[in-house]
Amino acid sequence: MFDFIKNIFAKNSVDFKELMKNGAQIIDVRTPSEFSNGSIKNSKNIPLQKLAAEMKKLDLKKPIITCCASGMRSASAKSMLKQNGFEAYNGGGWSSLQNKLK
């Protein structure tokens, strides 16, 4: 019974490690000052308010994982990216995402 329940929930979760193995890009949508106080190695800082203008510089063929401080801005960024044809996932808060990638 437990495995059945576990499998139901597992299908709804995103395997961020697997996405990274498949070449995912991490886009941190916090402000530059927030980003300078800590970030995930090799992540790219594109503040949410600049994302629309910077989108053309992103690789459409690679999945994108968005992150921010709490998951709110990254959820907005994920929606914007998906609307523009990107495969995008909300990684939530950057420190939480960093732990999921270990």
N, C-alpha and C. Protein backbone atom coordinates (compact mmCIF):
# COMPACT_ATOMS: atom_id res chain seq x y z
N MET A 1 0.82 -1.20 0.00
CA MET A 1 0.00 0.00 0.00
C MET A 1 0.87 1.26 0.00
N PHE A 2 1.91 1.28 0.84
CA PHE A 2 2.78 2.46 0.91
C PHE A 2 3.44 2.75 -0.42
N ASP A 3 3.92 1.71 -1.11
CA ASP A 3 4.56 1.90 -2.42
C ASP A 3 3.58 2.49 -3.43
N PHE A 4 2.34 2.06 -3.36
CA PHE A 4 1.32 2.59 -4.26
C PHE A 4 1.15 4.10 -4.05
N ILE A 5 1.02 4.51 -2.81
CA ILE A 5 0.87 5.94 -2.48
C ILE A 5 2.14 6.70 -2.87
N LYS A 6 3.29 6.13 -2.57
CA LYS A 6 4.57 6.76 -2.91
C LYS A 6 4.67 6.97 -4.43
N ASN A 7 4.26 6.00 -5.21
CA ASN A 7 4.33 6.12 -6.67
C ASN A 7 3.39 7.19 -7.20
N ILE A 8 2.25 7.36 -6.60
CA ILE A 8 1.32 8.41 -7.03
C ILE A 8 1.96 9.77 -6.86
N PHE A 9 2.56 10.00 -5.70
CA PHE A 9 3.18 11.29 -5.43
C PHE A 9 4.48 11.47 -6.21
N ALA A 10 5.20 10.42 -6.46
CA ALA A 10 6.46 10.50 -7.19
C ALA A 10 6.24 11.00 -8.62
N LYS A 11 5.13 10.63 -9.21
CA LYS A 11 4.84 11.06 -10.57
C LYS A 11 4.62 12.58 -10.67
N ASN A 12 4.22 13.18 -9.56
CA ASN A 12 3.96 14.62 -9.55
C ASN A 12 5.20 15.44 -9.21
N SER A 13 6.27 14.77 -8.78
CA SER A 13 7.46 15.52 -8.42
C SER A 13 8.43 15.56 -9.59
N VAL A 14 9.26 16.58 -9.59
CA VAL A 14 10.22 16.77 -10.66
C VAL A 14 11.58 16.28 -10.18
N ASP A 15 12.27 15.51 -11.01
CA ASP A 15 13.61 15.03 -10.69
C ASP A 15 14.61 16.06 -11.22
N PHE A 16 14.97 17.02 -10.37
CA PHE A 16 15.86 18.09 -10.79
C PHE A 16 17.26 17.59 -11.14
N LYS A 17 17.72 16.55 -10.45
CA LYS A 17 19.04 15.98 -10.77
C LYS A 17 19.03 15.43 -12.21
N GLU A 18 17.95 14.76 -12.56
CA GLU A 18 17.83 14.19 -13.92
C GLU A 18 17.77 15.30 -14.96
N LEU A 19 17.04 16.37 -14.66
CA LEU A 19 16.99 17.51 -15.58
C LEU A 19 18.39 18.08 -15.81
N MET A 20 19.17 18.18 -14.73
CA MET A 20 20.53 18.71 -14.85
C MET A 20 21.40 17.78 -15.71
N LYS A 21 21.22 16.47 -15.54
CA LYS A 21 21.97 15.51 -16.37
C LYS A 21 21.62 15.69 -17.85
N ASN A 22 20.40 16.17 -18.11
CA ASN A 22 19.94 16.37 -19.49
C ASN A 22 20.22 17.79 -19.98
N GLY A 23 21.11 18.50 -19.28
CA GLY A 23 21.55 19.80 -19.76
C GLY A 23 20.71 20.99 -19.36
N ALA A 24 19.91 20.85 -18.31
CA ALA A 24 19.05 21.96 -17.88
C ALA A 24 19.87 23.19 -17.50
N GLN A 25 19.27 24.34 -17.74
CA GLN A 25 19.84 25.62 -17.35
C GLN A 25 19.12 26.07 -16.08
N ILE A 26 19.84 26.62 -15.12
CA ILE A 26 19.20 27.17 -13.93
C ILE A 26 19.20 28.68 -14.07
N ILE A 27 18.00 29.25 -14.04
CA ILE A 27 17.83 30.70 -14.13
C ILE A 27 17.32 31.20 -12.79
N ASP A 28 18.13 32.02 -12.14
CA ASP A 28 17.79 32.60 -10.85
C ASP A 28 17.21 33.99 -11.11
N VAL A 29 15.95 34.19 -10.76
CA VAL A 29 15.26 35.43 -11.12
C VAL A 29 15.24 36.46 -9.98
N ARG A 30 16.12 36.29 -9.00
CA ARG A 30 16.24 37.29 -7.94
C ARG A 30 17.00 38.52 -8.44
N THR A 31 17.03 39.55 -7.63
CA THR A 31 17.77 40.76 -7.98
C THR A 31 19.27 40.45 -7.94
N PRO A 32 20.09 41.26 -8.64
CA PRO A 32 21.54 41.04 -8.59
C PRO A 32 22.11 41.06 -7.17
N SER A 33 21.59 41.93 -6.30
CA SER A 33 22.11 41.97 -4.93
C SER A 33 21.74 40.70 -4.16
N GLU A 34 20.54 40.18 -4.37
CA GLU A 34 20.17 38.91 -3.73
C GLU A 34 21.07 37.79 -4.25
N PHE A 35 21.28 37.76 -5.56
CA PHE A 35 22.10 36.73 -6.20
C PHE A 35 23.53 36.76 -5.66
N SER A 36 24.07 37.96 -5.45
CA SER A 36 25.47 38.09 -4.99
C SER A 36 25.65 37.59 -3.56
N ASN A 37 24.55 37.48 -2.81
CA ASN A 37 24.63 36.98 -1.43
C ASN A 37 24.57 35.46 -1.34
N GLY A 38 24.48 34.79 -2.47
CA GLY A 38 24.45 33.33 -2.50
C GLY A 38 23.67 32.84 -3.70
N SER A 39 24.19 31.80 -4.35
CA SER A 39 23.53 31.27 -5.54
C SER A 39 24.00 29.85 -5.80
N ILE A 40 23.32 29.19 -6.72
CA ILE A 40 23.69 27.84 -7.13
C ILE A 40 24.80 27.96 -8.18
N LYS A 41 25.82 27.13 -8.02
CA LYS A 41 26.94 27.13 -8.97
C LYS A 41 26.42 26.95 -10.40
N ASN A 42 26.93 27.75 -11.31
CA ASN A 42 26.60 27.73 -12.74
C ASN A 42 25.19 28.22 -13.06
N SER A 43 24.49 28.79 -12.07
CA SER A 43 23.18 29.36 -12.39
C SER A 43 23.39 30.73 -13.02
N LYS A 44 22.40 31.16 -13.77
CA LYS A 44 22.47 32.45 -14.44
C LYS A 44 21.45 33.39 -13.80
N ASN A 45 21.89 34.60 -13.47
CA ASN A 45 21.00 35.57 -12.85
C ASN A 45 20.34 36.43 -13.91
N ILE A 46 19.02 36.27 -14.03
CA ILE A 46 18.21 37.14 -14.89
C ILE A 46 17.02 37.56 -14.03
N PRO A 47 17.06 38.78 -13.47
CA PRO A 47 15.95 39.23 -12.65
C PRO A 47 14.62 39.12 -13.39
N LEU A 48 13.57 38.79 -12.65
CA LEU A 48 12.26 38.54 -13.25
C LEU A 48 11.82 39.67 -14.18
N GLN A 49 12.05 40.92 -13.78
CA GLN A 49 11.60 42.06 -14.60
C GLN A 49 12.38 42.19 -15.91
N LYS A 50 13.51 41.47 -16.03
CA LYS A 50 14.30 41.53 -17.27
C LYS A 50 14.15 40.25 -18.11
N LEU A 51 13.42 39.27 -17.59
CA LEU A 51 13.34 37.97 -18.25
C LEU A 51 12.79 38.05 -19.67
N ALA A 52 11.72 38.80 -19.88
CA ALA A 52 11.13 38.88 -21.22
C ALA A 52 12.15 39.37 -22.24
N ALA A 53 12.93 40.36 -21.88
CA ALA A 53 13.93 40.92 -22.81
C ALA A 53 15.12 39.99 -23.01
N GLU A 54 15.44 39.19 -22.01
CA GLU A 54 16.62 38.30 -22.05
C GLU A 54 16.31 36.91 -22.60
N MET A 55 15.04 36.59 -22.76
CA MET A 55 14.62 35.24 -23.16
C MET A 55 15.28 34.77 -24.45
N LYS A 56 15.48 35.69 -25.38
CA LYS A 56 16.06 35.29 -26.67
C LYS A 56 17.50 34.79 -26.54
N LYS A 57 18.15 35.05 -25.41
CA LYS A 57 19.53 34.58 -25.18
C LYS A 57 19.57 33.17 -24.60
N LEU A 58 18.40 32.63 -24.24
CA LEU A 58 18.35 31.30 -23.64
C LEU A 58 18.21 30.23 -24.72
N ASP A 59 18.71 29.04 -24.42
CA ASP A 59 18.67 27.92 -25.35
C ASP A 59 17.30 27.24 -25.26
N LEU A 60 16.52 27.37 -26.31
CA LEU A 60 15.18 26.79 -26.37
C LEU A 60 15.20 25.27 -26.33
N LYS A 61 16.34 24.66 -26.68
CA LYS A 61 16.43 23.20 -26.74
C LYS A 61 16.74 22.57 -25.39
N LYS A 62 17.11 23.39 -24.39
CA LYS A 62 17.45 22.85 -23.07
C LYS A 62 16.37 23.20 -22.06
N PRO A 63 16.06 22.25 -21.16
CA PRO A 63 15.09 22.57 -20.12
C PRO A 63 15.62 23.68 -19.21
N ILE A 64 14.71 24.42 -18.61
CA ILE A 64 15.09 25.50 -17.70
C ILE A 64 14.45 25.25 -16.34
N ILE A 65 15.26 25.41 -15.31
CA ILE A 65 14.78 25.35 -13.93
C ILE A 65 14.89 26.76 -13.39
N THR A 66 13.77 27.32 -12.94
CA THR A 66 13.79 28.66 -12.38
C THR A 66 13.88 28.58 -10.86
N CYS A 67 14.51 29.56 -10.25
CA CYS A 67 14.56 29.65 -8.80
C CYS A 67 14.60 31.11 -8.37
N CYS A 68 14.29 31.35 -7.12
CA CYS A 68 14.32 32.71 -6.56
C CYS A 68 14.56 32.57 -5.05
N ALA A 69 13.97 33.44 -4.26
CA ALA A 69 14.13 33.34 -2.81
C ALA A 69 13.13 32.36 -2.20
N SER A 70 11.86 32.44 -2.63
CA SER A 70 10.82 31.62 -2.00
C SER A 70 10.07 30.70 -2.94
N GLY A 71 10.13 30.98 -4.24
CA GLY A 71 9.38 30.18 -5.21
C GLY A 71 8.28 30.96 -5.90
N MET A 72 7.99 32.16 -5.43
CA MET A 72 6.92 32.97 -6.04
C MET A 72 7.37 33.55 -7.39
N ARG A 73 8.49 34.24 -7.41
CA ARG A 73 8.98 34.84 -8.66
C ARG A 73 9.36 33.75 -9.67
N SER A 74 9.91 32.65 -9.16
CA SER A 74 10.30 31.57 -10.07
C SER A 74 9.07 30.91 -10.70
N ALA A 75 7.95 30.90 -9.99
CA ALA A 75 6.70 30.38 -10.56
C ALA A 75 6.24 31.28 -11.71
N SER A 76 6.34 32.59 -11.52
CA SER A 76 5.99 33.53 -12.59
C SER A 76 6.92 33.35 -13.78
N ALA A 77 8.21 33.19 -13.50
CA ALA A 77 9.20 33.02 -14.57
C ALA A 77 8.93 31.74 -15.35
N LYS A 78 8.60 30.66 -14.65
CA LYS A 78 8.28 29.39 -15.31
C LYS A 78 7.11 29.57 -16.26
N SER A 79 6.07 30.26 -15.80
CA SER A 79 4.89 30.49 -16.64
C SER A 79 5.24 31.29 -17.88
N MET A 80 6.04 32.34 -17.71
CA MET A 80 6.46 33.16 -18.85
C MET A 80 7.24 32.34 -19.86
N LEU A 81 8.15 31.52 -19.37
CA LEU A 81 8.99 30.70 -20.25
C LEU A 81 8.14 29.68 -21.00
N LYS A 82 7.23 29.01 -20.29
CA LYS A 82 6.36 28.01 -20.94
C LYS A 82 5.50 28.65 -22.03
N GLN A 83 5.01 29.85 -21.77
CA GLN A 83 4.19 30.56 -22.76
C GLN A 83 5.00 30.90 -24.01
N ASN A 84 6.31 30.91 -23.88
CA ASN A 84 7.19 31.22 -25.01
C ASN A 84 7.89 29.98 -25.58
N GLY A 85 7.35 28.81 -25.27
CA GLY A 85 7.82 27.58 -25.89
C GLY A 85 8.96 26.86 -25.20
N PHE A 86 9.36 27.31 -24.01
CA PHE A 86 10.44 26.65 -23.28
C PHE A 86 9.88 25.51 -22.43
N GLU A 87 10.70 24.50 -22.21
CA GLU A 87 10.41 23.46 -21.24
C GLU A 87 10.93 24.02 -19.91
N ALA A 88 10.04 24.40 -19.02
CA ALA A 88 10.44 25.09 -17.79
C ALA A 88 9.83 24.45 -16.55
N TYR A 89 10.59 24.51 -15.47
CA TYR A 89 10.19 23.94 -14.19
C TYR A 89 10.49 24.94 -13.08
N ASN A 90 9.62 25.01 -12.10
CA ASN A 90 9.84 25.88 -10.95
C ASN A 90 10.62 25.11 -9.90
N GLY A 91 11.86 25.54 -9.67
CA GLY A 91 12.70 24.91 -8.66
C GLY A 91 12.46 25.46 -7.27
N GLY A 92 11.67 26.53 -7.16
CA GLY A 92 11.38 27.12 -5.85
C GLY A 92 12.51 27.99 -5.37
N GLY A 93 12.68 28.02 -4.06
CA GLY A 93 13.76 28.79 -3.47
C GLY A 93 15.12 28.22 -3.84
N TRP A 94 16.08 29.09 -4.09
CA TRP A 94 17.40 28.63 -4.57
C TRP A 94 18.09 27.71 -3.58
N SER A 95 18.01 27.98 -2.28
CA SER A 95 18.71 27.13 -1.31
C SER A 95 18.07 25.76 -1.22
N SER A 96 16.74 25.71 -1.34
CA SER A 96 16.04 24.43 -1.36
C SER A 96 16.41 23.64 -2.61
N LEU A 97 16.43 24.33 -3.75
CA LEU A 97 16.81 23.67 -5.00
C LEU A 97 18.24 23.14 -4.93
N GLN A 98 19.13 23.94 -4.35
CA GLN A 98 20.53 23.51 -4.22
C GLN A 98 20.60 22.19 -3.45
N ASN A 99 19.81 22.05 -2.39
CA ASN A 99 19.79 20.81 -1.63
C ASN A 99 19.24 19.64 -2.43
N LYS A 100 18.27 19.91 -3.30
CA LYS A 100 17.69 18.86 -4.13
C LYS A 100 18.67 18.38 -5.21
N LEU A 101 19.65 19.20 -5.53
CA LEU A 101 20.62 18.85 -6.56
C LEU A 101 21.83 18.09 -6.01
N LYS A 102 21.93 17.98 -4.70
CA LYS A 102 23.08 17.28 -4.07
C LYS A 102 22.97 15.79 -4.22
